[in-house]
Amino acid sequence: MADPVGLIGAGGVSPVQGAGAVPRVQKADPEGPSFRDVFMDTLRQADRLQQDATQAAEDLAVGRGNSEDVILAAQKAETAFKMIQSLRNKVMQAYDEIKQMRV
């Protein structure tokens, strides 16, 4: 089976390990971007896609665009929003789990 996303073998998905195997922990690159930077960049991209969808709808309304462009732009914006929403839900779930930890 091909790997269309490029995750297999690139550290994204590790091979199946035995029952007693300890998974390897990858250390974060101190020179790499922080979670905040990546998250803010993702928010900006999602906002830009929403602006593109709005612009495409306005272009269609004045006769400069076509319906296919509007549908495509709207679907891209919706997908980006769902991804951001999913990420927020995961962060909130992790926060709730941390709150419930006993010290």
PDB file of N, CA and C in Angstrom:
ATOM      1  N   MET A   1       0.842  -1.176   0.000  1.00  0.00           N
ATOM      2  CA  MET A   1       0.000   0.000   0.000  1.00  0.00           C
ATOM      3  C   MET A   1       0.882   1.231   0.000  1.00  0.00           C
ATOM      4  N   ALA A   2       0.571   2.184  -0.816  1.00  0.00           N
ATOM      5  CA  ALA A   2       1.345   3.423  -0.911  1.00  0.00           C
ATOM      6  C   ALA A   2       1.044   4.321   0.280  1.00  0.00           C
ATOM      7  N   ASP A   3       1.919   5.266   0.525  1.00  0.00           N
ATOM      8  CA  ASP A   3       1.758   6.212   1.615  1.00  0.00           C
ATOM      9  C   ASP A   3       1.516   7.595   1.027  1.00  0.00           C
ATOM     10  N   PRO A   4       0.244   7.963   0.727  1.00  0.00           N
ATOM     11  CA  PRO A   4      -0.021   9.227   0.062  1.00  0.00           C
ATOM     12  C   PRO A   4       0.279  10.448   0.923  1.00  0.00           C
ATOM     13  N   VAL A   5       0.235  10.298   2.233  1.00  0.00           N
ATOM     14  CA  VAL A   5       0.458  11.433   3.118  1.00  0.00           C
ATOM     15  C   VAL A   5       1.931  11.585   3.469  1.00  0.00           C
ATOM     16  N   GLY A   6       2.708  10.506   3.383  1.00  0.00           N
ATOM     17  CA  GLY A   6       4.133  10.578   3.672  1.00  0.00           C
ATOM     18  C   GLY A   6       4.469  10.411   5.133  1.00  0.00           C
ATOM     19  N   LEU A   7       3.600   9.766   5.891  1.00  0.00           N
ATOM     20  CA  LEU A   7       3.844   9.615   7.325  1.00  0.00           C
ATOM     21  C   LEU A   7       4.622   8.347   7.670  1.00  0.00           C
ATOM     22  N   ILE A   8       4.453   7.302   6.886  1.00  0.00           N
ATOM     23  CA  ILE A   8       5.096   6.035   7.207  1.00  0.00           C
ATOM     24  C   ILE A   8       6.587   6.161   6.943  1.00  0.00           C
ATOM     25  N   GLY A   9       7.370   5.828   7.956  1.00  0.00           N
ATOM     26  CA  GLY A   9       8.815   5.880   7.826  1.00  0.00           C
ATOM     27  C   GLY A   9       9.404   7.263   8.041  1.00  0.00           C
ATOM     28  N   ALA A  10       8.561   8.269   8.224  1.00  0.00           N
ATOM     29  CA  ALA A  10       9.061   9.623   8.441  1.00  0.00           C
ATOM     30  C   ALA A  10       8.901  10.039   9.896  1.00  0.00           C
ATOM     31  N   GLY A  11       8.698   9.077  10.771  1.00  0.00           N
ATOM     32  CA  GLY A  11       8.541   9.393  12.182  1.00  0.00           C
ATOM     33  C   GLY A  11       7.088   9.597  12.578  1.00  0.00           C
ATOM     34  N   GLY A  12       6.173   9.654  11.609  1.00  0.00           N
ATOM     35  CA  GLY A  12       4.773   9.876  11.924  1.00  0.00           C
ATOM     36  C   GLY A  12       4.098   8.637  12.444  1.00  0.00           C
ATOM     37  N   VAL A  13       4.374   7.501  11.839  1.00  0.00           N
ATOM     38  CA  VAL A  13       3.789   6.238  12.265  1.00  0.00           C
ATOM     39  C   VAL A  13       4.931   5.254  12.447  1.00  0.00           C
ATOM     40  N   SER A  14       5.017   4.702  13.642  1.00  0.00           N
ATOM     41  CA  SER A  14       6.109   3.765  13.891  1.00  0.00           C
ATOM     42  C   SER A  14       5.616   2.349  13.663  1.00  0.00           C
ATOM     43  N   PRO A  15       6.513   1.426  13.366  1.00  0.00           N
ATOM     44  CA  PRO A  15       6.091   0.050  13.164  1.00  0.00           C
ATOM     45  C   PRO A  15       5.555  -0.548  14.454  1.00  0.00           C
ATOM     46  N   VAL A  16       4.772  -1.605  14.328  1.00  0.00           N
ATOM     47  CA  VAL A  16       4.183  -2.280  15.482  1.00  0.00           C
ATOM     48  C   VAL A  16       5.293  -2.882  16.325  1.00  0.00           C
ATOM     49  N   GLN A  17       5.205  -2.685  17.650  1.00  0.00           N
ATOM     50  CA  GLN A  17       6.216  -3.190  18.562  1.00  0.00           C
ATOM     51  C   GLN A  17       5.620  -4.299  19.411  1.00  0.00           C
ATOM     52  N   GLY A  18       6.491  -5.095  20.040  1.00  0.00           N
ATOM     53  CA  GLY A  18       6.050  -6.179  20.901  1.00  0.00           C
ATOM     54  C   GLY A  18       5.335  -5.677  22.135  1.00  0.00           C
ATOM     55  N   ALA A  19       4.766  -6.599  22.918  1.00  0.00           N
ATOM     56  CA  ALA A  19       3.962  -6.233  24.077  1.00  0.00           C
ATOM     57  C   ALA A  19       4.762  -5.499  25.142  1.00  0.00           C
ATOM     58  N   GLY A  20       6.036  -5.860  25.355  1.00  0.00           N
ATOM     59  CA  GLY A  20       6.815  -5.233  26.403  1.00  0.00           C
ATOM     60  C   GLY A  20       7.717  -4.122  25.904  1.00  0.00           C
ATOM     61  N   ALA A  21       7.587  -3.755  24.666  1.00  0.00           N
ATOM     62  CA  ALA A  21       8.487  -2.754  24.092  1.00  0.00           C
ATOM     63  C   ALA A  21       8.150  -1.362  24.617  1.00  0.00           C
ATOM     64  N   VAL A  22       9.171  -0.583  24.862  1.00  0.00           N
ATOM     65  CA  VAL A  22       9.001   0.793  25.310  1.00  0.00           C
ATOM     66  C   VAL A  22       9.133   1.695  24.088  1.00  0.00           C
ATOM     67  N   PRO A  23       8.132   2.526  23.822  1.00  0.00           N
ATOM     68  CA  PRO A  23       8.215   3.389  22.639  1.00  0.00           C
ATOM     69  C   PRO A  23       9.323   4.429  22.791  1.00  0.00           C
ATOM     70  N   ARG A  24       9.945   4.754  21.662  1.00  0.00           N
ATOM     71  CA  ARG A  24      10.988   5.779  21.666  1.00  0.00           C
ATOM     72  C   ARG A  24      10.338   7.160  21.719  1.00  0.00           C
ATOM     73  N   VAL A  25      10.894   8.031  22.529  1.00  0.00           N
ATOM     74  CA  VAL A  25      10.395   9.394  22.631  1.00  0.00           C
ATOM     75  C   VAL A  25      11.315  10.294  21.829  1.00  0.00           C
ATOM     76  N   GLN A  26      10.723  11.044  20.922  1.00  0.00           N
ATOM     77  CA  GLN A  26      11.518  11.961  20.127  1.00  0.00           C
ATOM     78  C   GLN A  26      11.593  13.296  20.855  1.00  0.00           C
ATOM     79  N   LYS A  27      12.795  13.825  20.940  1.00  0.00           N
ATOM     80  CA  LYS A  27      12.981  15.112  21.601  1.00  0.00           C
ATOM     81  C   LYS A  27      12.625  16.233  20.629  1.00  0.00           C
ATOM     82  N   ALA A  28      12.029  17.272  21.199  1.00  0.00           N
ATOM     83  CA  ALA A  28      11.668  18.419  20.381  1.00  0.00           C
ATOM     84  C   ALA A  28      12.923  19.172  19.963  1.00  0.00           C
ATOM     85  N   ASP A  29      12.887  19.701  18.772  1.00  0.00           N
ATOM     86  CA  ASP A  29      13.999  20.491  18.260  1.00  0.00           C
ATOM     87  C   ASP A  29      13.955  21.873  18.908  1.00  0.00           C
ATOM     88  N   PRO A  30      14.970  22.235  19.705  1.00  0.00           N
ATOM     89  CA  PRO A  30      14.929  23.538  20.376  1.00  0.00           C
ATOM     90  C   PRO A  30      14.957  24.713  19.400  1.00  0.00           C
ATOM     91  N   GLU A  31      15.444  24.489  18.206  1.00  0.00           N
ATOM     92  CA  GLU A  31      15.497  25.555  17.199  1.00  0.00           C
ATOM     93  C   GLU A  31      14.207  25.621  16.374  1.00  0.00           C
ATOM     94  N   GLY A  32      13.344  24.625  16.530  1.00  0.00           N
ATOM     95  CA  GLY A  32      12.115  24.579  15.738  1.00  0.00           C
ATOM     96  C   GLY A  32      11.064  25.527  16.290  1.00  0.00           C
ATOM     97  N   PRO A  33       9.960  25.661  15.559  1.00  0.00           N
ATOM     98  CA  PRO A  33       8.893  26.562  16.001  1.00  0.00           C
ATOM     99  C   PRO A  33       8.183  26.017  17.239  1.00  0.00           C
ATOM    100  N   SER A  34       7.675  26.914  18.055  1.00  0.00           N
ATOM    101  CA  SER A  34       6.945  26.505  19.254  1.00  0.00           C
ATOM    102  C   SER A  34       5.514  26.114  18.869  1.00  0.00           C
ATOM    103  N   PHE A  35       4.816  25.465  19.796  1.00  0.00           N
ATOM    104  CA  PHE A  35       3.427  25.091  19.564  1.00  0.00           C
ATOM    105  C   PHE A  35       2.597  26.336  19.280  1.00  0.00           C
ATOM    106  N   ARG A  36       2.847  27.398  20.036  1.00  0.00           N
ATOM    107  CA  ARG A  36       2.117  28.645  19.858  1.00  0.00           C
ATOM    108  C   ARG A  36       2.300  29.182  18.444  1.00  0.00           C
ATOM    109  N   ASP A  37       3.539  29.183  17.955  1.00  0.00           N
ATOM    110  CA  ASP A  37       3.809  29.702  16.615  1.00  0.00           C
ATOM    111  C   ASP A  37       3.092  28.882  15.541  1.00  0.00           C
ATOM    112  N   VAL A  38       3.142  27.570  15.685  1.00  0.00           N
ATOM    113  CA  VAL A  38       2.484  26.694  14.708  1.00  0.00           C
ATOM    114  C   VAL A  38       0.970  26.885  14.762  1.00  0.00           C
ATOM    115  N   PHE A  39       0.438  26.984  15.969  1.00  0.00           N
ATOM    116  CA  PHE A  39      -1.011  27.152  16.134  1.00  0.00           C
ATOM    117  C   PHE A  39      -1.470  28.492  15.559  1.00  0.00           C
ATOM    118  N   MET A  40      -0.736  29.558  15.845  1.00  0.00           N
ATOM    119  CA  MET A  40      -1.113  30.874  15.332  1.00  0.00           C
ATOM    120  C   MET A  40      -1.014  30.917  13.800  1.00  0.00           C
ATOM    121  N   ASP A  41      -0.008  30.260  13.246  1.00  0.00           N
ATOM    122  CA  ASP A  41       0.127  30.197  11.791  1.00  0.00           C
ATOM    123  C   ASP A  41      -1.051  29.445  11.179  1.00  0.00           C
ATOM    124  N   THR A  42      -1.469  28.378  11.827  1.00  0.00           N
ATOM    125  CA  THR A  42      -2.617  27.605  11.355  1.00  0.00           C
ATOM    126  C   THR A  42      -3.890  28.439  11.421  1.00  0.00           C
ATOM    127  N   LEU A  43      -4.054  29.214  12.487  1.00  0.00           N
ATOM    128  CA  LEU A  43      -5.217  30.098  12.595  1.00  0.00           C
ATOM    129  C   LEU A  43      -5.217  31.146  11.485  1.00  0.00           C
ATOM    130  N   ARG A  44      -4.057  31.696  11.195  1.00  0.00           N
ATOM    131  CA  ARG A  44      -3.964  32.689  10.118  1.00  0.00           C
ATOM    132  C   ARG A  44      -4.320  32.076   8.766  1.00  0.00           C
ATOM    133  N   GLN A  45      -3.853  30.852   8.538  1.00  0.00           N
ATOM    134  CA  GLN A  45      -4.168  30.188   7.270  1.00  0.00           C
ATOM    135  C   GLN A  45      -5.666  29.912   7.155  1.00  0.00           C
ATOM    136  N   ALA A  46      -6.282  29.467   8.248  1.00  0.00           N
ATOM    137  CA  ALA A  46      -7.723  29.208   8.234  1.00  0.00           C
ATOM    138  C   ALA A  46      -8.496  30.506   8.006  1.00  0.00           C
ATOM    139  N   ASP A  47      -8.047  31.587   8.626  1.00  0.00           N
ATOM    140  CA  ASP A  47      -8.688  32.883   8.420  1.00  0.00           C
ATOM    141  C   ASP A  47      -8.559  33.325   6.968  1.00  0.00           C
ATOM    142  N   ARG A  48      -7.387  33.109   6.395  1.00  0.00           N
ATOM    143  CA  ARG A  48      -7.167  33.486   4.997  1.00  0.00           C
ATOM    144  C   ARG A  48      -8.075  32.680   4.059  1.00  0.00           C
ATOM    145  N   LEU A  49      -8.250  31.398   4.349  1.00  0.00           N
ATOM    146  CA  LEU A  49      -9.144  30.573   3.537  1.00  0.00           C
ATOM    147  C   LEU A  49     -10.587  31.058   3.646  1.00  0.00           C
ATOM    148  N   GLN A  50     -10.981  31.494   4.842  1.00  0.00           N
ATOM    149  CA  GLN A  50     -12.336  32.032   5.016  1.00  0.00           C
ATOM    150  C   GLN A  50     -12.495  33.330   4.232  1.00  0.00           C
ATOM    151  N   GLN A  51     -11.476  34.174   4.251  1.00  0.00           N
ATOM    152  CA  GLN A  51     -11.527  35.417   3.473  1.00  0.00           C
ATOM    153  C   GLN A  51     -11.593  35.119   1.976  1.00  0.00           C
ATOM    154  N   ASP A  52     -10.850  34.094   1.534  1.00  0.00           N
ATOM    155  CA  ASP A  52     -10.886  33.706   0.121  1.00  0.00           C
ATOM    156  C   ASP A  52     -12.278  33.218  -0.274  1.00  0.00           C
ATOM    157  N   ALA A  53     -12.931  32.466   0.614  1.00  0.00           N
ATOM    158  CA  ALA A  53     -14.280  31.968   0.334  1.00  0.00           C
ATOM    159  C   ALA A  53     -15.262  33.131   0.243  1.00  0.00           C
ATOM    160  N   THR A  54     -15.125  34.099   1.135  1.00  0.00           N
ATOM    161  CA  THR A  54     -15.996  35.274   1.096  1.00  0.00           C
ATOM    162  C   THR A  54     -15.776  36.066  -0.190  1.00  0.00           C
ATOM    163  N   GLN A  55     -14.517  36.227  -0.557  1.00  0.00           N
ATOM    164  CA  GLN A  55     -14.195  36.963  -1.794  1.00  0.00           C
ATOM    165  C   GLN A  55     -14.745  36.236  -3.018  1.00  0.00           C
ATOM    166  N   ALA A  56     -14.650  34.909  -3.036  1.00  0.00           N
ATOM    167  CA  ALA A  56     -15.172  34.134  -4.163  1.00  0.00           C
ATOM    168  C   ALA A  56     -16.685  34.290  -4.274  1.00  0.00           C
ATOM    169  N   ALA A  57     -17.371  34.296  -3.131  1.00  0.00           N
ATOM    170  CA  ALA A  57     -18.827  34.481  -3.149  1.00  0.00           C
ATOM    171  C   ALA A  57     -19.188  35.878  -3.645  1.00  0.00           C
ATOM    172  N   GLU A  58     -18.421  36.883  -3.205  1.00  0.00           N
ATOM    173  CA  GLU A  58     -18.675  38.246  -3.679  1.00  0.00           C
ATOM    174  C   GLU A  58     -18.407  38.370  -5.177  1.00  0.00           C
ATOM    175  N   ASP A  59     -17.357  37.716  -5.652  1.00  0.00           N
ATOM    176  CA  ASP A  59     -17.048  37.736  -7.084  1.00  0.00           C
ATOM    177  C   ASP A  59     -18.170  37.097  -7.890  1.00  0.00           C
ATOM    178  N   LEU A  60     -18.724  36.005  -7.368  1.00  0.00           N
ATOM    179  CA  LEU A  60     -19.829  35.346  -8.058  1.00  0.00           C
ATOM    180  C   LEU A  60     -21.050  36.258  -8.091  1.00  0.00           C
ATOM    181  N   ALA A  61     -21.279  36.977  -7.016  1.00  0.00           N
ATOM    182  CA  ALA A  61     -22.453  37.852  -6.941  1.00  0.00           C
ATOM    183  C   ALA A  61     -22.391  38.982  -7.963  1.00  0.00           C
ATOM    184  N   VAL A  62     -21.201  39.454  -8.287  1.00  0.00           N
ATOM    185  CA  VAL A  62     -21.083  40.546  -9.262  1.00  0.00           C
ATOM    186  C   VAL A  62     -20.770  40.040 -10.667  1.00  0.00           C
ATOM    187  N   GLY A  63     -20.687  38.710 -10.828  1.00  0.00           N
ATOM    188  CA  GLY A  63     -20.521  38.131 -12.147  1.00  0.00           C
ATOM    189  C   GLY A  63     -19.088  37.897 -12.585  1.00  0.00           C
ATOM    190  N   ARG A  64     -18.132  38.006 -11.680  1.00  0.00           N
ATOM    191  CA  ARG A  64     -16.727  37.802 -12.054  1.00  0.00           C
ATOM    192  C   ARG A  64     -16.253  36.368 -11.827  1.00  0.00           C
ATOM    193  N   GLY A  65     -16.935  35.596 -11.031  1.00  0.00           N
ATOM    194  CA  GLY A  65     -16.476  34.247 -10.709  1.00  0.00           C
ATOM    195  C   GLY A  65     -17.451  33.199 -11.189  1.00  0.00           C
ATOM    196  N   ASN A  66     -17.137  31.943 -10.843  1.00  0.00           N
ATOM    197  CA  ASN A  66     -18.072  30.866 -11.175  1.00  0.00           C
ATOM    198  C   ASN A  66     -18.374  30.071  -9.909  1.00  0.00           C
ATOM    199  N   SER A  67     -19.430  29.287  -9.986  1.00  0.00           N
ATOM    200  CA  SER A  67     -19.904  28.569  -8.795  1.00  0.00           C
ATOM    201  C   SER A  67     -18.908  27.520  -8.313  1.00  0.00           C
ATOM    202  N   GLU A  68     -18.137  26.935  -9.224  1.00  0.00           N
ATOM    203  CA  GLU A  68     -17.157  25.921  -8.820  1.00  0.00           C
ATOM    204  C   GLU A  68     -16.097  26.522  -7.902  1.00  0.00           C
ATOM    205  N   ASP A  69     -15.644  27.742  -8.217  1.00  0.00           N
ATOM    206  CA  ASP A  69     -14.650  28.407  -7.368  1.00  0.00           C
ATOM    207  C   ASP A  69     -15.205  28.692  -5.983  1.00  0.00           C
ATOM    208  N   VAL A  70     -16.471  29.088  -5.929  1.00  0.00           N
ATOM    209  CA  VAL A  70     -17.105  29.387  -4.642  1.00  0.00           C
ATOM    210  C   VAL A  70     -17.214  28.118  -3.808  1.00  0.00           C
ATOM    211  N   ILE A  71     -17.659  27.040  -4.425  1.00  0.00           N
ATOM    212  CA  ILE A  71     -17.818  25.774  -3.700  1.00  0.00           C
ATOM    213  C   ILE A  71     -16.472  25.271  -3.201  1.00  0.00           C
ATOM    214  N   LEU A  72     -15.461  25.311  -4.036  1.00  0.00           N
ATOM    215  CA  LEU A  72     -14.136  24.854  -3.646  1.00  0.00           C
ATOM    216  C   LEU A  72     -13.569  25.693  -2.499  1.00  0.00           C
ATOM    217  N   ALA A  73     -13.679  27.014  -2.616  1.00  0.00           N
ATOM    218  CA  ALA A  73     -13.164  27.894  -1.563  1.00  0.00           C
ATOM    219  C   ALA A  73     -13.922  27.679  -0.253  1.00  0.00           C
ATOM    220  N   ALA A  74     -15.231  27.491  -0.331  1.00  0.00           N
ATOM    221  CA  ALA A  74     -16.033  27.270   0.871  1.00  0.00           C
ATOM    222  C   ALA A  74     -15.676  25.937   1.538  1.00  0.00           C
ATOM    223  N   GLN A  75     -15.439  24.906   0.734  1.00  0.00           N
ATOM    224  CA  GLN A  75     -15.073  23.613   1.297  1.00  0.00           C
ATOM    225  C   GLN A  75     -13.694  23.659   1.941  1.00  0.00           C
ATOM    226  N   LYS A  76     -12.763  24.384   1.336  1.00  0.00           N
ATOM    227  CA  LYS A  76     -11.434  24.533   1.938  1.00  0.00           C
ATOM    228  C   LYS A  76     -11.537  25.248   3.282  1.00  0.00           C
ATOM    229  N   ALA A  77     -12.329  26.320   3.318  1.00  0.00           N
ATOM    230  CA  ALA A  77     -12.502  27.073   4.559  1.00  0.00           C
ATOM    231  C   ALA A  77     -13.179  26.213   5.624  1.00  0.00           C
ATOM    232  N   GLU A  78     -14.169  25.431   5.231  1.00  0.00           N
ATOM    233  CA  GLU A  78     -14.867  24.564   6.187  1.00  0.00           C
ATOM    234  C   GLU A  78     -13.936  23.488   6.737  1.00  0.00           C
ATOM    235  N   THR A  79     -13.125  22.907   5.880  1.00  0.00           N
ATOM    236  CA  THR A  79     -12.172  21.884   6.320  1.00  0.00           C
ATOM    237  C   THR A  79     -11.156  22.469   7.293  1.00  0.00           C
ATOM    238  N   ALA A  80     -10.657  23.650   6.994  1.00  0.00           N
ATOM    239  CA  ALA A  80      -9.697  24.307   7.887  1.00  0.00           C
ATOM    240  C   ALA A  80     -10.339  24.614   9.238  1.00  0.00           C
ATOM    241  N   PHE A  81     -11.594  25.079   9.211  1.00  0.00           N
ATOM    242  CA  PHE A  81     -12.287  25.382  10.460  1.00  0.00           C
ATOM    243  C   PHE A  81     -12.501  24.123  11.292  1.00  0.00           C
ATOM    244  N   LYS A  82     -12.888  23.028  10.648  1.00  0.00           N
ATOM    245  CA  LYS A  82     -13.088  21.771  11.368  1.00  0.00           C
ATOM    246  C   LYS A  82     -11.789  21.270  11.987  1.00  0.00           C
ATOM    247  N   MET A  83     -10.676  21.471  11.282  1.00  0.00           N
ATOM    248  CA  MET A  83      -9.378  21.059  11.813  1.00  0.00           C
ATOM    249  C   MET A  83      -9.023  21.888  13.044  1.00  0.00           C
ATOM    250  N   ILE A  84      -9.239  23.197  12.971  1.00  0.00           N
ATOM    251  CA  ILE A  84      -8.965  24.073  14.114  1.00  0.00           C
ATOM    252  C   ILE A  84      -9.872  23.690  15.290  1.00  0.00           C
ATOM    253  N   GLN A  85     -11.123  23.418  15.011  1.00  0.00           N
ATOM    254  CA  GLN A  85     -12.066  23.042  16.056  1.00  0.00           C
ATOM    255  C   GLN A  85     -11.657  21.716  16.698  1.00  0.00           C
ATOM    256  N   SER A  86     -11.224  20.771  15.901  1.00  0.00           N
ATOM    257  CA  SER A  86     -10.769  19.486  16.421  1.00  0.00           C
ATOM    258  C   SER A  86      -9.532  19.659  17.300  1.00  0.00           C
ATOM    259  N   LEU A  87      -8.619  20.503  16.860  1.00  0.00           N
ATOM    260  CA  LEU A  87      -7.418  20.771  17.644  1.00  0.00           C
ATOM    261  C   LEU A  87      -7.767  21.418  18.976  1.00  0.00           C
ATOM    262  N   ARG A  88      -8.697  22.367  18.943  1.00  0.00           N
ATOM    263  CA  ARG A  88      -9.146  23.009  20.183  1.00  0.00           C
ATOM    264  C   ARG A  88      -9.767  21.994  21.127  1.00  0.00           C
ATOM    265  N   ASN A  89     -10.578  21.103  20.591  1.00  0.00           N
ATOM    266  CA  ASN A  89     -11.215  20.084  21.428  1.00  0.00           C
ATOM    267  C   ASN A  89     -10.173  19.166  22.063  1.00  0.00           C
ATOM    268  N   LYS A  90      -9.151  18.794  21.315  1.00  0.00           N
ATOM    269  CA  LYS A  90      -8.092  17.938  21.864  1.00  0.00           C
ATOM    270  C   LYS A  90      -7.312  18.666  22.962  1.00  0.00           C
ATOM    271  N   VAL A  91      -7.028  19.941  22.750  1.00  0.00           N
ATOM    272  CA  VAL A  91      -6.312  20.719  23.764  1.00  0.00           C
ATOM    273  C   VAL A  91      -7.165  20.833  25.026  1.00  0.00           C
ATOM    274  N   MET A  92      -8.449  21.088  24.872  1.00  0.00           N
ATOM    275  CA  MET A  92      -9.334  21.188  26.041  1.00  0.00           C
ATOM    276  C   MET A  92      -9.446  19.846  26.758  1.00  0.00           C
ATOM    277  N   GLN A  93      -9.471  18.762  26.011  1.00  0.00           N
ATOM    278  CA  GLN A  93      -9.525  17.429  26.608  1.00  0.00           C
ATOM    279  C   GLN A  93      -8.248  17.165  27.412  1.00  0.00           C
ATOM    280  N   ALA A  94      -7.102  17.525  26.858  1.00  0.00           N
ATOM    281  CA  ALA A  94      -5.834  17.351  27.573  1.00  0.00           C
ATOM    282  C   ALA A  94      -5.801  18.221  28.819  1.00  0.00           C
ATOM    283  N   TYR A  95      -6.295  19.451  28.722  1.00  0.00           N
ATOM    284  CA  TYR A  95      -6.346  20.350  29.873  1.00  0.00           C
ATOM    285  C   TYR A  95      -7.228  19.764  30.977  1.00  0.00           C
ATOM    286  N   ASP A  96      -8.385  19.217  30.606  1.00  0.00           N
ATOM    287  CA  ASP A  96      -9.280  18.606  31.594  1.00  0.00           C
ATOM    288  C   ASP A  96      -8.611  17.417  32.279  1.00  0.00           C
ATOM    289  N   GLU A  97      -7.865  16.616  31.514  1.00  0.00           N
ATOM    290  CA  GLU A  97      -7.165  15.486  32.109  1.00  0.00           C
ATOM    291  C   GLU A  97      -6.085  15.955  33.089  1.00  0.00           C
ATOM    292  N   ILE A  98      -5.400  17.029  32.732  1.00  0.00           N
ATOM    293  CA  ILE A  98      -4.372  17.568  33.623  1.00  0.00           C
ATOM    294  C   ILE A  98      -5.010  18.112  34.898  1.00  0.00           C
ATOM    295  N   LYS A  99      -6.160  18.772  34.762  1.00  0.00           N
ATOM    296  CA  LYS A  99      -6.855  19.306  35.942  1.00  0.00           C
ATOM    297  C   LYS A  99      -7.256  18.203  36.904  1.00  0.00           C
ATOM    298  N   GLN A 100      -7.549  17.018  36.400  1.00  0.00           N
ATOM    299  CA  GLN A 100      -8.015  15.931  37.240  1.00  0.00           C
ATOM    300  C   GLN A 100      -6.882  15.130  37.869  1.00  0.00           C
ATOM    301  N   MET A 101      -5.639  15.420  37.524  1.00  0.00           N
ATOM    302  CA  MET A 101      -4.503  14.707  38.090  1.00  0.00           C
ATOM    303  C   MET A 101      -4.335  15.055  39.564  1.00  0.00           C
ATOM    304  N   ARG A 102      -4.027  14.049  40.329  1.00  0.00           N
ATOM    305  CA  ARG A 102      -3.751  14.254  41.756  1.00  0.00           C
ATOM    306  C   ARG A 102      -2.266  14.553  41.922  1.00  0.00           C
ATOM    307  N   VAL A 103      -1.978  15.506  42.769  1.00  0.00           N
ATOM    308  CA  VAL A 103      -0.570  15.851  43.007  1.00  0.00           C
ATOM    309  C   VAL A 103      -0.100  15.297  44.327  1.00  0.00           C
TER     310      VAL A 103
END
